[in-house]
Amino acid sequence: MQVKKKITRRRRKKRGKPYFDKNTHDAIVRYQGIEDPKIKNEIYIKEILPAFDKLAENLIFIHGFIKTIHTHSYENLKSDCVSFLYETLHKFDHTRGSKAFSYFNVVAKNWLIIQSKKSSKNKKRLVSLDAEYEQGASEIDLLNYFSVAATQDFRMLRQESKDSLFSLMKTIRGRLNSENEIACMDAIITLFSKVDELDLLNKRAVFVYMRDISSLNPKQLSVAMSSIRKHYRDLIKDDKFDIFSWEVSNV
């Protein structure tokens, strides 16, 4: 007589309620359509902030950003990330068919990646000037070399070069007709005017800044940049705008 084995099926554990769901998406759309600051603030705090907070927390721990960003404590890092998401709320466009979660997940992750690379870069640069006993003679000489201020001639040449570059960019802007091209050019000018305040680590970081400043999507940026590049190539044929050869001849 064969004994039939009793098959017991394990019940799947019920998943918890998603922290960033359709209700969050709808709350963001409602938030964008309201003018009253008091009502906007209530919607943000009750319906959007908890989702942003959890999104930032998950990204920080899942991708190990807490280990790579040494300039922030966990709470400060999460708070700064959530603040950045808040500042980009107006840029989300639900009419394009994208989900709010997908959009803000990418925005938060890109911001954390930039902070991670910035932290890594700063860590490599930081050297204690007080701890000379830990440094060899060659390291001390190198620090002394870089501590010398730039000469007046060098500063003047650099400023003239910068002025010429801005003149070139403004001339290109005057040639543009498309709103997207003008928005892209304005973003470029803004980047150059704040270049000392930004940590432009790579092309990806530049692209993120450009996208945020211009509010253009990647395709629109690409098309606008192609047009701007043509004007640039046309203008630098003129000695007046041939900045690079001017710099070389004055070095």
C-alpha atoms as a PDB file:
ATOM      1  CA  MET A   1       0.000   0.000   0.000  1.00  0.00           C
ATOM      2  CA  GLN A   2       1.482   3.300  -1.078  1.00  0.00           C
ATOM      3  CA  VAL A   3       1.271   6.196   1.303  1.00  0.00           C
ATOM      4  CA  LYS A   4       0.493   9.446  -0.396  1.00  0.00           C
ATOM      5  CA  LYS A   5       2.704  12.278   0.668  1.00  0.00           C
ATOM      6  CA  LYS A   6       0.863  15.295   1.843  1.00  0.00           C
ATOM      7  CA  ILE A   7       1.998  18.297  -0.121  1.00  0.00           C
ATOM      8  CA  THR A   8       1.962  21.518   1.830  1.00  0.00           C
ATOM      9  CA  ARG A   9       2.253  24.688  -0.115  1.00  0.00           C
ATOM     10  CA  ARG A  10       3.886  27.624   1.472  1.00  0.00           C
ATOM     11  CA  ARG A  11       1.821  30.698   1.437  1.00  0.00           C
ATOM     12  CA  ARG A  12       3.486  33.713  -0.006  1.00  0.00           C
ATOM     13  CA  LYS A  13       4.023  36.448   2.462  1.00  0.00           C
ATOM     14  CA  LYS A  14       1.846  39.395   1.792  1.00  0.00           C
ATOM     15  CA  ARG A  15       3.830  42.347   0.641  1.00  0.00           C
ATOM     16  CA  GLY A  16       3.523  45.534   2.587  1.00  0.00           C
ATOM     17  CA  LYS A  17       1.899  48.560   1.106  1.00  0.00           C
ATOM     18  CA  PRO A  18       4.258  50.328  -1.356  1.00  0.00           C
ATOM     19  CA  TYR A  19       5.680  53.505   0.129  1.00  0.00           C
ATOM     20  CA  PHE A  20       5.633  55.300  -3.238  1.00  0.00           C
ATOM     21  CA  ASP A  21       2.471  54.316  -5.090  1.00  0.00           C
ATOM     22  CA  LYS A  22      -0.213  55.765  -7.349  1.00  0.00           C
ATOM     23  CA  ASN A  23      -1.529  57.861  -4.465  1.00  0.00           C
ATOM     24  CA  THR A  24       1.884  59.505  -4.152  1.00  0.00           C
ATOM     25  CA  HIS A  25       1.978  60.085  -7.919  1.00  0.00           C
ATOM     26  CA  ASP A  26      -1.490  61.687  -7.800  1.00  0.00           C
ATOM     27  CA  ALA A  27      -0.509  63.811  -4.788  1.00  0.00           C
ATOM     28  CA  ILE A  28       2.480  65.206  -6.704  1.00  0.00           C
ATOM     29  CA  VAL A  29       0.257  66.066  -9.683  1.00  0.00           C
ATOM     30  CA  ARG A  30      -2.222  67.801  -7.330  1.00  0.00           C
ATOM     31  CA  TYR A  31       0.622  69.626  -5.605  1.00  0.00           C
ATOM     32  CA  GLN A  32       1.818  71.040  -8.936  1.00  0.00           C
ATOM     33  CA  GLY A  33      -1.646  72.312  -9.820  1.00  0.00           C
ATOM     34  CA  ILE A  34      -2.309  74.243  -6.588  1.00  0.00           C
ATOM     35  CA  GLU A  35      -1.285  77.857  -6.007  1.00  0.00           C
ATOM     36  CA  ASP A  36      -2.130  78.189  -2.296  1.00  0.00           C
ATOM     37  CA  PRO A  37       1.174  77.720  -0.366  1.00  0.00           C
ATOM     38  CA  LYS A  38      -0.628  76.461   2.752  1.00  0.00           C
ATOM     39  CA  ILE A  39      -2.471  73.700   0.880  1.00  0.00           C
ATOM     40  CA  LYS A  40       0.675  72.786  -1.069  1.00  0.00           C
ATOM     41  CA  ASN A  41       2.597  72.465   2.185  1.00  0.00           C
ATOM     42  CA  GLU A  42      -0.088  70.194   3.693  1.00  0.00           C
ATOM     43  CA  ILE A  43      -0.063  67.902   0.637  1.00  0.00           C
ATOM     44  CA  TYR A  44       3.728  67.738   0.663  1.00  0.00           C
ATOM     45  CA  ILE A  45       4.091  66.936   4.363  1.00  0.00           C
ATOM     46  CA  LYS A  46       1.253  64.386   4.561  1.00  0.00           C
ATOM     47  CA  GLU A  47       1.376  62.664   1.167  1.00  0.00           C
ATOM     48  CA  ILE A  48       4.756  63.279  -0.515  1.00  0.00           C
ATOM     49  CA  LEU A  49       7.424  63.726   2.169  1.00  0.00           C
ATOM     50  CA  PRO A  50       7.053  60.202   3.672  1.00  0.00           C
ATOM     51  CA  ALA A  51       7.618  58.671   0.199  1.00  0.00           C
ATOM     52  CA  PHE A  52      10.646  60.900  -0.505  1.00  0.00           C
ATOM     53  CA  ASP A  53      12.063  60.080   2.910  1.00  0.00           C
ATOM     54  CA  LYS A  54      11.762  56.324   2.371  1.00  0.00           C
ATOM     55  CA  LEU A  55      13.074  56.565  -1.208  1.00  0.00           C
ATOM     56  CA  ALA A  56      16.201  58.378  -0.041  1.00  0.00           C
ATOM     57  CA  GLU A  57      16.693  55.903   2.808  1.00  0.00           C
ATOM     58  CA  ASN A  58      16.431  52.868   0.507  1.00  0.00           C
ATOM     59  CA  LEU A  59      18.833  54.276  -2.093  1.00  0.00           C
ATOM     60  CA  ILE A  60      21.406  55.214   0.541  1.00  0.00           C
ATOM     61  CA  PHE A  61      21.492  51.738   2.071  1.00  0.00           C
ATOM     62  CA  ILE A  62      20.866  49.556  -0.996  1.00  0.00           C
ATOM     63  CA  HIS A  63      23.687  51.189  -2.982  1.00  0.00           C
ATOM     64  CA  GLY A  64      25.983  51.759  -0.005  1.00  0.00           C
ATOM     65  CA  PHE A  65      26.174  55.546  -0.345  1.00  0.00           C
ATOM     66  CA  ILE A  66      26.601  55.922   3.413  1.00  0.00           C
ATOM     67  CA  LYS A  67      30.026  54.270   3.012  1.00  0.00           C
ATOM     68  CA  THR A  68      31.153  56.397   0.075  1.00  0.00           C
ATOM     69  CA  ILE A  69      29.913  59.843   1.124  1.00  0.00           C
ATOM     70  CA  HIS A  70      32.172  60.843   4.011  1.00  0.00           C
ATOM     71  CA  THR A  71      31.075  64.483   4.213  1.00  0.00           C
ATOM     72  CA  HIS A  72      27.618  63.682   5.615  1.00  0.00           C
ATOM     73  CA  SER A  73      26.163  61.721   8.488  1.00  0.00           C
ATOM     74  CA  TYR A  74      23.315  59.404   7.488  1.00  0.00           C
ATOM     75  CA  GLU A  75      20.623  61.773   8.736  1.00  0.00           C
ATOM     76  CA  ASN A  76      22.180  64.799   7.009  1.00  0.00           C
ATOM     77  CA  LEU A  77      22.659  62.874   3.779  1.00  0.00           C
ATOM     78  CA  LYS A  78      19.063  61.702   3.733  1.00  0.00           C
ATOM     79  CA  SER A  79      17.780  65.161   4.667  1.00  0.00           C
ATOM     80  CA  ASP A  80      19.803  66.842   1.881  1.00  0.00           C
ATOM     81  CA  CYS A  81      18.615  64.255  -0.644  1.00  0.00           C
ATOM     82  CA  VAL A  82      14.972  64.794   0.327  1.00  0.00           C
ATOM     83  CA  SER A  83      15.466  68.568   0.109  1.00  0.00           C
ATOM     84  CA  PHE A  84      16.859  68.175  -3.415  1.00  0.00           C
ATOM     85  CA  LEU A  85      13.818  66.091  -4.411  1.00  0.00           C
ATOM     86  CA  TYR A  86      11.560  68.812  -3.003  1.00  0.00           C
ATOM     87  CA  GLU A  87      13.352  71.431  -5.122  1.00  0.00           C
ATOM     88  CA  THR A  88      12.746  69.359  -8.277  1.00  0.00           C
ATOM     89  CA  LEU A  89       9.030  68.746  -7.657  1.00  0.00           C
ATOM     90  CA  HIS A  90       8.016  71.355 -10.218  1.00  0.00           C
ATOM     91  CA  LYS A  91      10.096  69.694 -12.956  1.00  0.00           C
ATOM     92  CA  PHE A  92       8.159  66.429 -13.045  1.00  0.00           C
ATOM     93  CA  ASP A  93       5.853  66.316 -16.090  1.00  0.00           C
ATOM     94  CA  HIS A  94       3.131  63.675 -15.743  1.00  0.00           C
ATOM     95  CA  THR A  95       1.804  64.446 -19.241  1.00  0.00           C
ATOM     96  CA  ARG A  96       4.775  62.567 -20.743  1.00  0.00           C
ATOM     97  CA  GLY A  97       3.418  59.336 -19.322  1.00  0.00           C
ATOM     98  CA  SER A  98       6.243  58.710 -16.870  1.00  0.00           C
ATOM     99  CA  LYS A  99       5.578  57.555 -13.323  1.00  0.00           C
ATOM    100  CA  ALA A 100       6.575  59.799 -10.438  1.00  0.00           C
ATOM    101  CA  PHE A 101       8.448  56.973  -8.725  1.00  0.00           C
ATOM    102  CA  SER A 102      10.627  56.290 -11.779  1.00  0.00           C
ATOM    103  CA  TYR A 103      11.413  59.964 -12.249  1.00  0.00           C
ATOM    104  CA  PHE A 104      12.303  60.791  -8.641  1.00  0.00           C
ATOM    105  CA  ASN A 105      14.162  57.506  -8.174  1.00  0.00           C
ATOM    106  CA  VAL A 106      16.511  58.520 -11.015  1.00  0.00           C
ATOM    107  CA  VAL A 107      16.793  62.100  -9.728  1.00  0.00           C
ATOM    108  CA  ALA A 108      17.678  60.966  -6.190  1.00  0.00           C
ATOM    109  CA  LYS A 109      20.137  58.323  -7.384  1.00  0.00           C
ATOM    110  CA  ASN A 110      21.928  60.775  -9.701  1.00  0.00           C
ATOM    111  CA  TRP A 111      22.193  63.293  -6.862  1.00  0.00           C
ATOM    112  CA  LEU A 112      23.671  60.663  -4.533  1.00  0.00           C
ATOM    113  CA  ILE A 113      26.141  59.526  -7.212  1.00  0.00           C
ATOM    114  CA  ILE A 114      27.342  63.113  -7.675  1.00  0.00           C
ATOM    115  CA  GLN A 115      27.725  63.549  -3.893  1.00  0.00           C
ATOM    116  CA  SER A 116      29.626  60.262  -3.694  1.00  0.00           C
ATOM    117  CA  LYS A 117      32.079  61.267  -6.422  1.00  0.00           C
ATOM    118  CA  LYS A 118      32.456  64.738  -4.911  1.00  0.00           C
ATOM    119  CA  SER A 119      33.215  63.212  -1.500  1.00  0.00           C
ATOM    120  CA  SER A 120      35.744  60.812  -2.994  1.00  0.00           C
ATOM    121  CA  LYS A 121      37.448  63.631  -4.890  1.00  0.00           C
ATOM    122  CA  ASN A 122      37.617  65.861  -1.805  1.00  0.00           C
ATOM    123  CA  LYS A 123      38.985  63.021   0.309  1.00  0.00           C
ATOM    124  CA  LYS A 124      41.871  62.565  -2.136  1.00  0.00           C
ATOM    125  CA  ARG A 125      42.592  66.287  -2.126  1.00  0.00           C
ATOM    126  CA  LEU A 126      42.518  66.833   1.632  1.00  0.00           C
ATOM    127  CA  VAL A 127      45.931  67.031   3.241  1.00  0.00           C
ATOM    128  CA  SER A 128      46.517  68.285   6.779  1.00  0.00           C
ATOM    129  CA  LEU A 129      48.854  71.280   6.615  1.00  0.00           C
ATOM    130  CA  ASP A 130      49.374  71.105  10.379  1.00  0.00           C
ATOM    131  CA  ALA A 131      50.604  67.513  10.411  1.00  0.00           C
ATOM    132  CA  GLU A 132      53.982  68.226   8.799  1.00  0.00           C
ATOM    133  CA  TYR A 133      55.655  65.590  10.924  1.00  0.00           C
ATOM    134  CA  GLU A 134      53.660  62.963   9.023  1.00  0.00           C
ATOM    135  CA  GLN A 135      54.891  64.223   5.666  1.00  0.00           C
ATOM    136  CA  GLY A 136      58.192  63.798   3.922  1.00  0.00           C
ATOM    137  CA  ALA A 137      60.285  66.677   2.583  1.00  0.00           C
ATOM    138  CA  SER A 138      58.948  66.197  -0.964  1.00  0.00           C
ATOM    139  CA  GLU A 139      55.313  66.437   0.213  1.00  0.00           C
ATOM    140  CA  ILE A 140      56.039  69.641   2.171  1.00  0.00           C
ATOM    141  CA  ASP A 141      57.807  71.197  -0.844  1.00  0.00           C
ATOM    142  CA  LEU A 142      54.818  70.310  -3.022  1.00  0.00           C
ATOM    143  CA  LEU A 143      52.384  71.966  -0.602  1.00  0.00           C
ATOM    144  CA  ASN A 144      54.554  75.088  -0.467  1.00  0.00           C
ATOM    145  CA  TYR A 145      54.669  75.180  -4.266  1.00  0.00           C
ATOM    146  CA  PHE A 146      50.895  75.160  -4.597  1.00  0.00           C
ATOM    147  CA  SER A 147      50.436  77.669  -1.783  1.00  0.00           C
ATOM    148  CA  VAL A 148      52.015  80.429  -3.909  1.00  0.00           C
ATOM    149  CA  ALA A 149      49.433  82.873  -5.234  1.00  0.00           C
ATOM    150  CA  ALA A 150      49.019  83.281  -8.979  1.00  0.00           C
ATOM    151  CA  THR A 151      50.848  86.215 -10.502  1.00  0.00           C
ATOM    152  CA  GLN A 152      49.007  89.383 -11.486  1.00  0.00           C
ATOM    153  CA  ASP A 153      49.791  88.772 -15.180  1.00  0.00           C
ATOM    154  CA  PHE A 154      48.357  85.281 -15.011  1.00  0.00           C
ATOM    155  CA  ARG A 155      45.166  86.495 -13.304  1.00  0.00           C
ATOM    156  CA  MET A 156      44.714  89.208 -15.933  1.00  0.00           C
ATOM    157  CA  LEU A 157      45.166  86.752 -18.810  1.00  0.00           C
ATOM    158  CA  ARG A 158      42.715  84.336 -17.242  1.00  0.00           C
ATOM    159  CA  GLN A 159      40.110  87.094 -16.763  1.00  0.00           C
ATOM    160  CA  GLU A 160      40.512  88.293 -20.374  1.00  0.00           C
ATOM    161  CA  SER A 161      40.099  84.730 -21.597  1.00  0.00           C
ATOM    162  CA  LYS A 162      36.971  84.354 -19.482  1.00  0.00           C
ATOM    163  CA  ASP A 163      35.527  87.622 -20.812  1.00  0.00           C
ATOM    164  CA  SER A 164      36.191  86.487 -24.400  1.00  0.00           C
ATOM    165  CA  LEU A 165      34.450  83.197 -23.728  1.00  0.00           C
ATOM    166  CA  PHE A 166      31.342  84.921 -22.351  1.00  0.00           C
ATOM    167  CA  SER A 167      31.326  87.248 -25.356  1.00  0.00           C
ATOM    168  CA  LEU A 168      31.375  84.199 -27.633  1.00  0.00           C
ATOM    169  CA  MET A 169      28.506  82.549 -25.748  1.00  0.00           C
ATOM    170  CA  LYS A 170      26.371  85.698 -25.836  1.00  0.00           C
ATOM    171  CA  THR A 171      26.986  86.028 -29.589  1.00  0.00           C
ATOM    172  CA  ILE A 172      25.874  82.421 -30.104  1.00  0.00           C
ATOM    173  CA  ARG A 173      22.749  83.069 -28.007  1.00  0.00           C
ATOM    174  CA  GLY A 174      21.853  86.027 -30.233  1.00  0.00           C
ATOM    175  CA  ARG A 175      21.891  83.707 -33.264  1.00  0.00           C
ATOM    176  CA  LEU A 176      19.441  81.194 -31.793  1.00  0.00           C
ATOM    177  CA  ASN A 177      15.731  81.144 -32.565  1.00  0.00           C
ATOM    178  CA  SER A 178      14.392  77.994 -30.902  1.00  0.00           C
ATOM    179  CA  GLU A 179      13.195  78.280 -27.289  1.00  0.00           C
ATOM    180  CA  ASN A 180      14.922  74.977 -26.452  1.00  0.00           C
ATOM    181  CA  GLU A 181      18.211  76.177 -27.955  1.00  0.00           C
ATOM    182  CA  ILE A 182      18.010  79.444 -26.005  1.00  0.00           C
ATOM    183  CA  ALA A 183      17.199  77.533 -22.776  1.00  0.00           C
ATOM    184  CA  CYS A 184      20.174  75.260 -23.409  1.00  0.00           C
ATOM    185  CA  MET A 185      22.477  78.213 -24.108  1.00  0.00           C
ATOM    186  CA  ASP A 186      21.294  79.997 -20.960  1.00  0.00           C
ATOM    187  CA  ALA A 187      22.099  76.847 -18.995  1.00  0.00           C
ATOM    188  CA  ILE A 188      25.616  76.794 -20.493  1.00  0.00           C
ATOM    189  CA  ILE A 189      26.164  80.452 -19.575  1.00  0.00           C
ATOM    190  CA  THR A 190      24.898  79.781 -16.028  1.00  0.00           C
ATOM    191  CA  LEU A 191      27.265  76.828 -15.678  1.00  0.00           C
ATOM    192  CA  PHE A 192      30.261  78.889 -16.780  1.00  0.00           C
ATOM    193  CA  SER A 193      29.307  81.795 -14.509  1.00  0.00           C
ATOM    194  CA  LYS A 194      29.158  79.447 -11.503  1.00  0.00           C
ATOM    195  CA  VAL A 195      31.973  77.111 -12.485  1.00  0.00           C
ATOM    196  CA  ASP A 196      33.978  77.927  -9.326  1.00  0.00           C
ATOM    197  CA  GLU A 197      31.007  76.940  -7.139  1.00  0.00           C
ATOM    198  CA  LEU A 198      30.290  73.615  -8.832  1.00  0.00           C
ATOM    199  CA  ASP A 199      32.126  70.326  -8.716  1.00  0.00           C
ATOM    200  CA  LEU A 200      31.824  69.150 -12.312  1.00  0.00           C
ATOM    201  CA  LEU A 201      33.392  65.740 -11.981  1.00  0.00           C
ATOM    202  CA  ASN A 202      32.554  64.222 -15.348  1.00  0.00           C
ATOM    203  CA  LYS A 203      30.300  64.490 -18.387  1.00  0.00           C
ATOM    204  CA  ARG A 204      27.441  62.848 -16.513  1.00  0.00           C
ATOM    205  CA  ALA A 205      27.555  65.481 -13.775  1.00  0.00           C
ATOM    206  CA  VAL A 206      27.598  68.278 -16.362  1.00  0.00           C
ATOM    207  CA  PHE A 207      24.624  66.702 -18.125  1.00  0.00           C
ATOM    208  CA  VAL A 208      22.630  66.496 -14.864  1.00  0.00           C
ATOM    209  CA  TYR A 209      23.325  70.173 -14.120  1.00  0.00           C
ATOM    210  CA  MET A 210      22.387  71.152 -17.680  1.00  0.00           C
ATOM    211  CA  ARG A 211      19.148  69.193 -17.539  1.00  0.00           C
ATOM    212  CA  ASP A 212      18.138  70.693 -14.184  1.00  0.00           C
ATOM    213  CA  ILE A 213      18.952  74.279 -15.167  1.00  0.00           C
ATOM    214  CA  SER A 214      17.328  74.167 -18.626  1.00  0.00           C
ATOM    215  CA  SER A 215      14.359  71.880 -17.714  1.00  0.00           C
ATOM    216  CA  LEU A 216      14.889  70.145 -21.068  1.00  0.00           C
ATOM    217  CA  ASN A 217      14.768  66.373 -21.503  1.00  0.00           C
ATOM    218  CA  PRO A 218      17.850  64.497 -22.812  1.00  0.00           C
ATOM    219  CA  LYS A 219      16.618  64.440 -26.414  1.00  0.00           C
ATOM    220  CA  GLN A 220      15.834  68.167 -26.428  1.00  0.00           C
ATOM    221  CA  LEU A 221      19.257  68.909 -24.921  1.00  0.00           C
ATOM    222  CA  SER A 222      20.999  66.799 -27.559  1.00  0.00           C
ATOM    223  CA  VAL A 223      19.201  68.531 -30.450  1.00  0.00           C
ATOM    224  CA  ALA A 224      19.827  72.002 -28.982  1.00  0.00           C
ATOM    225  CA  MET A 225      23.506  71.257 -28.387  1.00  0.00           C
ATOM    226  CA  SER A 226      23.961  70.104 -31.988  1.00  0.00           C
ATOM    227  CA  SER A 227      22.659  73.449 -33.237  1.00  0.00           C
ATOM    228  CA  ILE A 228      24.768  75.430 -30.754  1.00  0.00           C
ATOM    229  CA  ARG A 229      27.864  73.448 -31.747  1.00  0.00           C
ATOM    230  CA  LYS A 230      27.399  74.493 -35.395  1.00  0.00           C
ATOM    231  CA  HIS A 231      27.271  78.186 -34.441  1.00  0.00           C
ATOM    232  CA  TYR A 232      30.326  77.726 -32.229  1.00  0.00           C
ATOM    233  CA  ARG A 233      32.374  76.133 -35.017  1.00  0.00           C
ATOM    234  CA  ASP A 234      31.349  78.888 -37.396  1.00  0.00           C
ATOM    235  CA  LEU A 235      32.296  81.683 -34.981  1.00  0.00           C
ATOM    236  CA  ILE A 236      35.713  80.419 -33.877  1.00  0.00           C
ATOM    237  CA  LYS A 237      36.927  80.683 -37.481  1.00  0.00           C
ATOM    238  CA  ASP A 238      36.984  84.417 -36.802  1.00  0.00           C
ATOM    239  CA  ASP A 239      40.140  85.598 -34.994  1.00  0.00           C
ATOM    240  CA  LYS A 240      37.938  87.620 -32.678  1.00  0.00           C
ATOM    241  CA  PHE A 241      36.477  84.443 -31.191  1.00  0.00           C
ATOM    242  CA  ASP A 242      39.359  82.012 -31.640  1.00  0.00           C
ATOM    243  CA  ILE A 243      39.791  81.769 -27.877  1.00  0.00           C
ATOM    244  CA  PHE A 244      41.934  78.656 -27.808  1.00  0.00           C
ATOM    245  CA  SER A 245      44.646  79.926 -30.167  1.00  0.00           C
ATOM    246  CA  TRP A 246      44.534  83.240 -28.266  1.00  0.00           C
ATOM    247  CA  GLU A 247      45.244  81.445 -24.990  1.00  0.00           C
ATOM    248  CA  VAL A 248      48.139  79.491 -26.448  1.00  0.00           C
ATOM    249  CA  SER A 249      49.777  82.578 -27.939  1.00  0.00           C
ATOM    250  CA  ASN A 250      49.606  84.357 -24.579  1.00  0.00           C
ATOM    251  CA  VAL A 251      51.003  81.550 -22.414  1.00  0.00           C
END
